Amino acid sequence: GVPTVTLTTRDFEILAATAAKGRGVPQLPRVTLPHPL
């Protein structure tokens, strides 16, 4: 019940989406940033 936002960069966007889907939470809030920072 703790709201989160995962920050990721563009190069890891697909990996983050796949991991979220694999955990059963494809709607997990994510914010994508430019790569590299």
PDB file of all heavy atoms in Angstrom:
ATOM      1  N   GLY A   1       0.784  -1.226   0.000  1.00  0.00           N
ATOM      2  CA  GLY A   1       0.000   0.000   0.000  1.00  0.00           C
ATOM      3  C   GLY A   1       0.817   1.277   0.000  1.00  0.00           C
ATOM      4  O   GLY A   1       0.294   2.358   0.238  1.00  0.00           O
ATOM      5  N   VAL A   2       2.116   1.167  -0.284  1.00  0.00           N
ATOM      6  CA  VAL A   2       2.997   2.340  -0.320  1.00  0.00           C
ATOM      7  C   VAL A   2       3.165   2.772  -1.778  1.00  0.00           C
ATOM      8  O   VAL A   2       3.719   2.014  -2.581  1.00  0.00           O
ATOM      9  CB  VAL A   2       4.383   2.025   0.287  1.00  0.00           C
ATOM     10  CG1 VAL A   2       5.293   3.232   0.199  1.00  0.00           C
ATOM     11  CG2 VAL A   2       4.240   1.540   1.722  1.00  0.00           C
ATOM     12  N   PRO A   3       2.690   3.967  -2.135  1.00  0.00           N
ATOM     13  CA  PRO A   3       2.840   4.419  -3.527  1.00  0.00           C
ATOM     14  C   PRO A   3       4.312   4.573  -3.897  1.00  0.00           C
ATOM     15  O   PRO A   3       5.122   5.040  -3.091  1.00  0.00           O
ATOM     16  CB  PRO A   3       2.149   5.778  -3.549  1.00  0.00           C
ATOM     17  CG  PRO A   3       1.297   5.821  -2.331  1.00  0.00           C
ATOM     18  CD  PRO A   3       1.963   4.942  -1.324  1.00  0.00           C
ATOM     19  N   THR A   4       4.648   4.174  -5.103  1.00  0.00           N
ATOM     20  CA  THR A   4       6.016   4.285  -5.594  1.00  0.00           C
ATOM     21  C   THR A   4       6.025   4.808  -7.018  1.00  0.00           C
ATOM     22  O   THR A   4       5.012   4.750  -7.726  1.00  0.00           O
ATOM     23  CB  THR A   4       6.742   2.923  -5.584  1.00  0.00           C
ATOM     24  OG1 THR A   4       6.102   2.068  -6.533  1.00  0.00           O
ATOM     25  CG2 THR A   4       6.751   2.289  -4.219  1.00  0.00           C
ATOM     26  N   VAL A   5       7.157   5.283  -7.430  1.00  0.00           N
ATOM     27  CA  VAL A   5       7.433   5.610  -8.823  1.00  0.00           C
ATOM     28  C   VAL A   5       8.858   5.153  -9.086  1.00  0.00           C
ATOM     29  O   VAL A   5       9.775   5.540  -8.363  1.00  0.00           O
ATOM     30  CB  VAL A   5       7.311   7.126  -9.106  1.00  0.00           C
ATOM     31  CG1 VAL A   5       7.747   7.437 -10.528  1.00  0.00           C
ATOM     32  CG2 VAL A   5       5.897   7.612  -8.869  1.00  0.00           C
ATOM     33  N   THR A   6       9.035   4.321 -10.079  1.00  0.00           N
ATOM     34  CA  THR A   6      10.364   3.851 -10.434  1.00  0.00           C
ATOM     35  C   THR A   6      10.903   4.733 -11.550  1.00  0.00           C
ATOM     36  O   THR A   6      10.258   4.909 -12.576  1.00  0.00           O
ATOM     37  CB  THR A   6      10.328   2.384 -10.893  1.00  0.00           C
ATOM     38  OG1 THR A   6       9.788   1.583  -9.838  1.00  0.00           O
ATOM     39  CG2 THR A   6      11.711   1.876 -11.251  1.00  0.00           C
ATOM     40  N   LEU A   7      12.086   5.302 -11.321  1.00  0.00           N
ATOM     41  CA  LEU A   7      12.756   6.098 -12.343  1.00  0.00           C
ATOM     42  C   LEU A   7      13.689   5.197 -13.123  1.00  0.00           C
ATOM     43  O   LEU A   7      14.460   4.433 -12.536  1.00  0.00           O
ATOM     44  CB  LEU A   7      13.555   7.235 -11.702  1.00  0.00           C
ATOM     45  CG  LEU A   7      12.764   8.197 -10.813  1.00  0.00           C
ATOM     46  CD1 LEU A   7      13.700   9.255 -10.239  1.00  0.00           C
ATOM     47  CD2 LEU A   7      11.627   8.841 -11.568  1.00  0.00           C
ATOM     48  N   THR A   8      13.598   5.280 -14.430  1.00  0.00           N
ATOM     49  CA  THR A   8      14.471   4.484 -15.290  1.00  0.00           C
ATOM     50  C   THR A   8      14.894   5.347 -16.469  1.00  0.00           C
ATOM     51  O   THR A   8      14.296   6.382 -16.725  1.00  0.00           O
ATOM     52  CB  THR A   8      13.760   3.196 -15.748  1.00  0.00           C
ATOM     53  OG1 THR A   8      14.680   2.386 -16.471  1.00  0.00           O
ATOM     54  CG2 THR A   8      12.567   3.488 -16.621  1.00  0.00           C
ATOM     55  N   THR A   9      15.925   4.914 -17.168  1.00  0.00           N
ATOM     56  CA  THR A   9      16.323   5.631 -18.367  1.00  0.00           C
ATOM     57  C   THR A   9      15.822   4.879 -19.593  1.00  0.00           C
ATOM     58  O   THR A   9      15.442   3.705 -19.502  1.00  0.00           O
ATOM     59  CB  THR A   9      17.850   5.814 -18.440  1.00  0.00           C
ATOM     60  OG1 THR A   9      18.469   4.543 -18.497  1.00  0.00           O
ATOM     61  CG2 THR A   9      18.369   6.622 -17.259  1.00  0.00           C
ATOM     62  N   ARG A  10      15.820   5.556 -20.729  1.00  0.00           N
ATOM     63  CA  ARG A  10      15.263   4.975 -21.961  1.00  0.00           C
ATOM     64  C   ARG A  10      15.846   3.608 -22.293  1.00  0.00           C
ATOM     65  O   ARG A  10      15.125   2.724 -22.754  1.00  0.00           O
ATOM     66  CB  ARG A  10      15.495   5.928 -23.138  1.00  0.00           C
ATOM     67  CG  ARG A  10      14.542   7.060 -23.161  1.00  0.00           C
ATOM     68  CD  ARG A  10      14.626   7.840 -24.476  1.00  0.00           C
ATOM     69  NE  ARG A  10      13.908   9.084 -24.295  1.00  0.00           N
ATOM     70  CZ  ARG A  10      14.469  10.276 -24.281  1.00  0.00           C
ATOM     71  NH1 ARG A  10      15.764  10.407 -24.474  1.00  0.00           N
ATOM     72  NH2 ARG A  10      13.737  11.356 -24.091  1.00  0.00           N
ATOM     73  N   ASP A  11      17.134   3.438 -22.074  1.00  0.00           N
ATOM     74  CA  ASP A  11      17.762   2.164 -22.428  1.00  0.00           C
ATOM     75  C   ASP A  11      17.254   0.999 -21.579  1.00  0.00           C
ATOM     76  O   ASP A  11      17.427  -0.158 -21.963  1.00  0.00           O
ATOM     77  CB  ASP A  11      19.284   2.253 -22.307  1.00  0.00           C
ATOM     78  CG  ASP A  11      19.914   2.943 -23.508  1.00  0.00           C
ATOM     79  OD1 ASP A  11      19.191   3.594 -24.299  1.00  0.00           O
ATOM     80  OD2 ASP A  11      21.142   2.835 -23.658  1.00  0.00           O
ATOM     81  N   PHE A  12      16.651   1.293 -20.447  1.00  0.00           N
ATOM     82  CA  PHE A  12      16.153   0.244 -19.551  1.00  0.00           C
ATOM     83  C   PHE A  12      14.631   0.203 -19.486  1.00  0.00           C
ATOM     84  O   PHE A  12      14.049  -0.535 -18.694  1.00  0.00           O
ATOM     85  CB  PHE A  12      16.749   0.424 -18.152  1.00  0.00           C
ATOM     86  CG  PHE A  12      18.233   0.240 -18.139  1.00  0.00           C
ATOM     87  CD1 PHE A  12      19.078   1.332 -18.175  1.00  0.00           C
ATOM     88  CD2 PHE A  12      18.790  -1.025 -18.140  1.00  0.00           C
ATOM     89  CE1 PHE A  12      20.453   1.171 -18.192  1.00  0.00           C
ATOM     90  CE2 PHE A  12      20.167  -1.200 -18.163  1.00  0.00           C
ATOM     91  CZ  PHE A  12      21.000  -0.105 -18.193  1.00  0.00           C
ATOM     92  N   GLU A  13      13.982   0.982 -20.335  1.00  0.00           N
ATOM     93  CA  GLU A  13      12.516   1.070 -20.338  1.00  0.00           C
ATOM     94  C   GLU A  13      11.861  -0.286 -20.631  1.00  0.00           C
ATOM     95  O   GLU A  13      10.926  -0.697 -19.938  1.00  0.00           O
ATOM     96  CB  GLU A  13      12.085   2.109 -21.375  1.00  0.00           C
ATOM     97  CG  GLU A  13      10.630   2.430 -21.377  1.00  0.00           C
ATOM     98  CD  GLU A  13      10.307   3.574 -22.318  1.00  0.00           C
ATOM     99  OE1 GLU A  13      11.143   3.948 -23.166  1.00  0.00           O
ATOM    100  OE2 GLU A  13       9.188   4.093 -22.202  1.00  0.00           O
ATOM    101  N   ILE A  14      12.342  -0.992 -21.626  1.00  0.00           N
ATOM    102  CA  ILE A  14      11.757  -2.299 -21.978  1.00  0.00           C
ATOM    103  C   ILE A  14      12.007  -3.307 -20.860  1.00  0.00           C
ATOM    104  O   ILE A  14      11.109  -4.070 -20.491  1.00  0.00           O
ATOM    105  CB  ILE A  14      12.299  -2.799 -23.328  1.00  0.00           C
ATOM    106  CG1 ILE A  14      11.793  -1.882 -24.448  1.00  0.00           C
ATOM    107  CG2 ILE A  14      11.898  -4.247 -23.580  1.00  0.00           C
ATOM    108  CD1 ILE A  14      12.406  -2.156 -25.806  1.00  0.00           C
ATOM    109  N   LEU A  15      13.199  -3.297 -20.305  1.00  0.00           N
ATOM    110  CA  LEU A  15      13.513  -4.196 -19.192  1.00  0.00           C
ATOM    111  C   LEU A  15      12.596  -3.919 -18.000  1.00  0.00           C
ATOM    112  O   LEU A  15      12.059  -4.851 -17.390  1.00  0.00           O
ATOM    113  CB  LEU A  15      14.977  -4.051 -18.779  1.00  0.00           C
ATOM    114  CG  LEU A  15      15.429  -4.903 -17.596  1.00  0.00           C
ATOM    115  CD1 LEU A  15      15.255  -6.386 -17.879  1.00  0.00           C
ATOM    116  CD2 LEU A  15      16.879  -4.576 -17.257  1.00  0.00           C
ATOM    117  N   ALA A  16      12.385  -2.640 -17.678  1.00  0.00           N
ATOM    118  CA  ALA A  16      11.512  -2.278 -16.559  1.00  0.00           C
ATOM    119  C   ALA A  16      10.080  -2.729 -16.822  1.00  0.00           C
ATOM    120  O   ALA A  16       9.421  -3.282 -15.931  1.00  0.00           O
ATOM    121  CB  ALA A  16      11.564  -0.772 -16.315  1.00  0.00           C
ATOM    122  N   ALA A  17       9.592  -2.517 -18.031  1.00  0.00           N
ATOM    123  CA  ALA A  17       8.223  -2.933 -18.374  1.00  0.00           C
ATOM    124  C   ALA A  17       8.086  -4.454 -18.306  1.00  0.00           C
ATOM    125  O   ALA A  17       7.085  -4.979 -17.794  1.00  0.00           O
ATOM    126  CB  ALA A  17       7.851  -2.428 -19.767  1.00  0.00           C
ATOM    127  N   THR A  18       9.084  -5.154 -18.789  1.00  0.00           N
ATOM    128  CA  THR A  18       9.062  -6.620 -18.753  1.00  0.00           C
ATOM    129  C   THR A  18       9.102  -7.133 -17.318  1.00  0.00           C
ATOM    130  O   THR A  18       8.368  -8.061 -16.961  1.00  0.00           O
ATOM    131  CB  THR A  18      10.249  -7.188 -19.568  1.00  0.00           C
ATOM    132  OG1 THR A  18      10.150  -6.703 -20.911  1.00  0.00           O
ATOM    133  CG2 THR A  18      10.245  -8.695 -19.564  1.00  0.00           C
ATOM    134  N   ALA A  19       9.947  -6.516 -16.492  1.00  0.00           N
ATOM    135  CA  ALA A  19      10.042  -6.930 -15.088  1.00  0.00           C
ATOM    136  C   ALA A  19       8.731  -6.657 -14.358  1.00  0.00           C
ATOM    137  O   ALA A  19       8.274  -7.490 -13.565  1.00  0.00           O
ATOM    138  CB  ALA A  19      11.194  -6.205 -14.399  1.00  0.00           C
ATOM    139  N   ALA A  20       8.117  -5.521 -14.618  1.00  0.00           N
ATOM    140  CA  ALA A  20       6.841  -5.196 -13.973  1.00  0.00           C
ATOM    141  C   ALA A  20       5.765  -6.197 -14.395  1.00  0.00           C
ATOM    142  O   ALA A  20       5.002  -6.688 -13.560  1.00  0.00           O
ATOM    143  CB  ALA A  20       6.420  -3.770 -14.313  1.00  0.00           C
ATOM    144  N   LYS A  21       5.723  -6.500 -15.669  1.00  0.00           N
ATOM    145  CA  LYS A  21       4.748  -7.475 -16.161  1.00  0.00           C
ATOM    146  C   LYS A  21       5.002  -8.844 -15.538  1.00  0.00           C
ATOM    147  O   LYS A  21       4.071  -9.533 -15.125  1.00  0.00           O
ATOM    148  CB  LYS A  21       4.812  -7.561 -17.683  1.00  0.00           C
ATOM    149  CG  LYS A  21       3.762  -8.447 -18.284  1.00  0.00           C
ATOM    150  CD  LYS A  21       3.819  -8.428 -19.799  1.00  0.00           C
ATOM    151  CE  LYS A  21       2.773  -9.341 -20.382  1.00  0.00           C
ATOM    152  NZ  LYS A  21       2.836  -9.377 -21.852  1.00  0.00           N
ATOM    153  N   GLY A  22       6.274  -9.219 -15.437  1.00  0.00           N
ATOM    154  CA  GLY A  22       6.637 -10.502 -14.840  1.00  0.00           C
ATOM    155  C   GLY A  22       6.253 -10.595 -13.370  1.00  0.00           C
ATOM    156  O   GLY A  22       5.961 -11.676 -12.869  1.00  0.00           O
ATOM    157  N   ARG A  23       6.259  -9.469 -12.682  1.00  0.00           N
ATOM    158  CA  ARG A  23       5.847  -9.430 -11.274  1.00  0.00           C
ATOM    159  C   ARG A  23       4.329  -9.317 -11.142  1.00  0.00           C
ATOM    160  O   ARG A  23       3.803  -9.249 -10.036  1.00  0.00           O
ATOM    161  CB  ARG A  23       6.494  -8.258 -10.557  1.00  0.00           C
ATOM    162  CG  ARG A  23       8.005  -8.300 -10.455  1.00  0.00           C
ATOM    163  CD  ARG A  23       8.469  -9.250  -9.424  1.00  0.00           C
ATOM    164  NE  ARG A  23       8.013  -8.791  -8.109  1.00  0.00           N
ATOM    165  CZ  ARG A  23       8.349  -9.334  -6.975  1.00  0.00           C
ATOM    166  NH1 ARG A  23       9.160 -10.358  -6.974  1.00  0.00           N
ATOM    167  NH2 ARG A  23       7.897  -8.881  -5.835  1.00  0.00           N
ATOM    168  N   GLY A  24       3.634  -9.247 -12.266  1.00  0.00           N
ATOM    169  CA  GLY A  24       2.175  -9.162 -12.235  1.00  0.00           C
ATOM    170  C   GLY A  24       1.653  -7.751 -11.998  1.00  0.00           C
ATOM    171  O   GLY A  24       0.496  -7.576 -11.628  1.00  0.00           O
ATOM    172  N   VAL A  25       2.511  -6.751 -12.223  1.00  0.00           N
ATOM    173  CA  VAL A  25       2.112  -5.356 -11.992  1.00  0.00           C
ATOM    174  C   VAL A  25       2.485  -4.469 -13.184  1.00  0.00           C
ATOM    175  O   VAL A  25       3.251  -3.517 -13.064  1.00  0.00           O
ATOM    176  CB  VAL A  25       2.724  -4.799 -10.682  1.00  0.00           C
ATOM    177  CG1 VAL A  25       2.084  -5.430  -9.470  1.00  0.00           C
ATOM    178  CG2 VAL A  25       4.237  -5.007 -10.649  1.00  0.00           C
ATOM    179  N   PRO A  26       1.924  -4.762 -14.362  1.00  0.00           N
ATOM    180  CA  PRO A  26       2.307  -3.977 -15.540  1.00  0.00           C
ATOM    181  C   PRO A  26       1.963  -2.493 -15.403  1.00  0.00           C
ATOM    182  O   PRO A  26       2.562  -1.658 -16.059  1.00  0.00           O
ATOM    183  CB  PRO A  26       1.522  -4.626 -16.675  1.00  0.00           C
ATOM    184  CG  PRO A  26       0.384  -5.316 -16.009  1.00  0.00           C
ATOM    185  CD  PRO A  26       0.901  -5.753 -14.654  1.00  0.00           C
ATOM    186  N   GLN A  27       1.027  -2.166 -14.524  1.00  0.00           N
ATOM    187  CA  GLN A  27       0.620  -0.775 -14.312  1.00  0.00           C
ATOM    188  C   GLN A  27       1.500  -0.044 -13.298  1.00  0.00           C
ATOM    189  O   GLN A  27       1.257   1.114 -12.984  1.00  0.00           O
ATOM    190  CB  GLN A  27      -0.855  -0.711 -13.868  1.00  0.00           C
ATOM    191  CG  GLN A  27      -1.098  -1.094 -12.419  1.00  0.00           C
ATOM    192  CD  GLN A  27      -1.077  -2.594 -12.114  1.00  0.00           C
ATOM    193  OE1 GLN A  27      -0.674  -3.407 -12.926  1.00  0.00           O
ATOM    194  NE2 GLN A  27      -1.511  -2.963 -10.921  1.00  0.00           N
ATOM    195  N   LEU A  28       2.545  -0.688 -12.805  1.00  0.00           N
ATOM    196  CA  LEU A  28       3.440  -0.077 -11.824  1.00  0.00           C
ATOM    197  C   LEU A  28       3.953   1.257 -12.368  1.00  0.00           C
ATOM    198  O   LEU A  28       4.476   1.316 -13.479  1.00  0.00           O
ATOM    199  CB  LEU A  28       4.613  -1.013 -11.554  1.00  0.00           C
ATOM    200  CG  LEU A  28       5.481  -0.695 -10.355  1.00  0.00           C
ATOM    201  CD1 LEU A  28       4.699  -0.913  -9.054  1.00  0.00           C
ATOM    202  CD2 LEU A  28       6.722  -1.554 -10.366  1.00  0.00           C
ATOM    203  N   PRO A  29       3.784   2.351 -11.615  1.00  0.00           N
ATOM    204  CA  PRO A  29       4.196   3.665 -12.113  1.00  0.00           C
ATOM    205  C   PRO A  29       5.701   3.745 -12.373  1.00  0.00           C
ATOM    206  O   PRO A  29       6.510   3.379 -11.525  1.00  0.00           O
ATOM    207  CB  PRO A  29       3.807   4.621 -10.984  1.00  0.00           C
ATOM    208  CG  PRO A  29       2.772   3.900 -10.196  1.00  0.00           C
ATOM    209  CD  PRO A  29       3.127   2.450 -10.302  1.00  0.00           C
ATOM    210  N   ARG A  30       6.014   4.201 -13.589  1.00  0.00           N
ATOM    211  CA  ARG A  30       7.407   4.385 -13.984  1.00  0.00           C
ATOM    212  C   ARG A  30       7.528   5.722 -14.695  1.00  0.00           C
ATOM    213  O   ARG A  30       6.623   6.142 -15.403  1.00  0.00           O
ATOM    214  CB  ARG A  30       7.856   3.270 -14.935  1.00  0.00           C
ATOM    215  CG  ARG A  30       7.864   1.909 -14.300  1.00  0.00           C
ATOM    216  CD  ARG A  30       8.387   0.830 -15.250  1.00  0.00           C
ATOM    217  NE  ARG A  30       7.732   0.784 -16.539  1.00  0.00           N
ATOM    218  CZ  ARG A  30       6.587   0.140 -16.780  1.00  0.00           C
ATOM    219  NH1 ARG A  30       5.962  -0.504 -15.817  1.00  0.00           N
ATOM    220  NH2 ARG A  30       6.065   0.125 -17.983  1.00  0.00           N
ATOM    221  N   VAL A  31       8.660   6.368 -14.508  1.00  0.00           N
ATOM    222  CA  VAL A  31       8.979   7.588 -15.236  1.00  0.00           C
ATOM    223  C   VAL A  31      10.290   7.335 -15.964  1.00  0.00           C
ATOM    224  O   VAL A  31      11.277   6.929 -15.353  1.00  0.00           O
ATOM    225  CB  VAL A  31       9.092   8.802 -14.285  1.00  0.00           C
ATOM    226  CG1 VAL A  31       9.601  10.021 -15.028  1.00  0.00           C
ATOM    227  CG2 VAL A  31       7.740   9.097 -13.639  1.00  0.00           C
ATOM    228  N   THR A  32      10.267   7.537 -17.272  1.00  0.00           N
ATOM    229  CA  THR A  32      11.445   7.282 -18.088  1.00  0.00           C
ATOM    230  C   THR A  32      12.204   8.579 -18.335  1.00  0.00           C
ATOM    231  O   THR A  32      11.619   9.590 -18.719  1.00  0.00           O
ATOM    232  CB  THR A  32      11.032   6.639 -19.427  1.00  0.00           C
ATOM    233  OG1 THR A  32      10.311   5.428 -19.140  1.00  0.00           O
ATOM    234  CG2 THR A  32      12.242   6.297 -20.268  1.00  0.00           C
ATOM    235  N   LEU A  33      13.511   8.524 -18.115  1.00  0.00           N
ATOM    236  CA  LEU A  33      14.402   9.663 -18.279  1.00  0.00           C
ATOM    237  C   LEU A  33      15.355   9.392 -19.439  1.00  0.00           C
ATOM    238  O   LEU A  33      15.514   8.245 -19.865  1.00  0.00           O
ATOM    239  CB  LEU A  33      15.192   9.879 -16.983  1.00  0.00           C
ATOM    240  CG  LEU A  33      14.361  10.010 -15.702  1.00  0.00           C
ATOM    241  CD1 LEU A  33      15.264  10.016 -14.479  1.00  0.00           C
ATOM    242  CD2 LEU A  33      13.500  11.257 -15.755  1.00  0.00           C
ATOM    243  N   PRO A  34      16.002  10.435 -19.947  1.00  0.00           N
ATOM    244  CA  PRO A  34      16.972  10.228 -21.033  1.00  0.00           C
ATOM    245  C   PRO A  34      18.135   9.339 -20.589  1.00  0.00           C
ATOM    246  O   PRO A  34      18.434   9.243 -19.407  1.00  0.00           O
ATOM    247  CB  PRO A  34      17.478  11.631 -21.349  1.00  0.00           C
ATOM    248  CG  PRO A  34      16.522  12.572 -20.721  1.00  0.00           C
ATOM    249  CD  PRO A  34      15.875  11.845 -19.581  1.00  0.00           C
ATOM    250  N   HIS A  35      18.765   8.726 -21.577  1.00  0.00           N
ATOM    251  CA  HIS A  35      19.939   7.888 -21.306  1.00  0.00           C
ATOM    252  C   HIS A  35      21.076   8.337 -22.201  1.00  0.00           C
ATOM    253  O   HIS A  35      20.846   8.589 -23.378  1.00  0.00           O
ATOM    254  CB  HIS A  35      19.605   6.422 -21.584  1.00  0.00           C
ATOM    255  CG  HIS A  35      20.702   5.490 -21.210  1.00  0.00           C
ATOM    256  ND1 HIS A  35      20.785   4.922 -19.968  1.00  0.00           N
ATOM    257  CD2 HIS A  35      21.774   5.052 -21.896  1.00  0.00           C
ATOM    258  CE1 HIS A  35      21.854   4.155 -19.912  1.00  0.00           C
ATOM    259  NE2 HIS A  35      22.468   4.220 -21.078  1.00  0.00           N
ATOM    260  N   PRO A  36      22.254   8.434 -21.663  1.00  0.00           N
ATOM    261  CA  PRO A  36      22.658   8.258 -20.269  1.00  0.00           C
ATOM    262  C   PRO A  36      22.552   9.577 -19.499  1.00  0.00           C
ATOM    263  O   PRO A  36      22.614  10.662 -20.084  1.00  0.00           O
ATOM    264  CB  PRO A  36      24.115   7.822 -20.386  1.00  0.00           C
ATOM    265  CG  PRO A  36      24.603   8.534 -21.614  1.00  0.00           C
ATOM    266  CD  PRO A  36      23.414   8.596 -22.550  1.00  0.00           C
ATOM    267  N   LEU A  37      22.412   9.461 -18.205  1.00  0.00           N
ATOM    268  CA  LEU A  37      22.374  10.655 -17.353  1.00  0.00           C
ATOM    269  C   LEU A  37      23.759  11.007 -16.808  1.00  0.00           C
ATOM    270  O   LEU A  37      24.058  12.176 -16.571  1.00  0.00           O
ATOM    271  CB  LEU A  37      21.421  10.437 -16.168  1.00  0.00           C
ATOM    272  CG  LEU A  37      19.929  10.426 -16.486  1.00  0.00           C
ATOM    273  CD1 LEU A  37      19.144  10.028 -15.250  1.00  0.00           C
ATOM    274  CD2 LEU A  37      19.476  11.772 -16.998  1.00  0.00           C
TER     275      LEU A  37
END
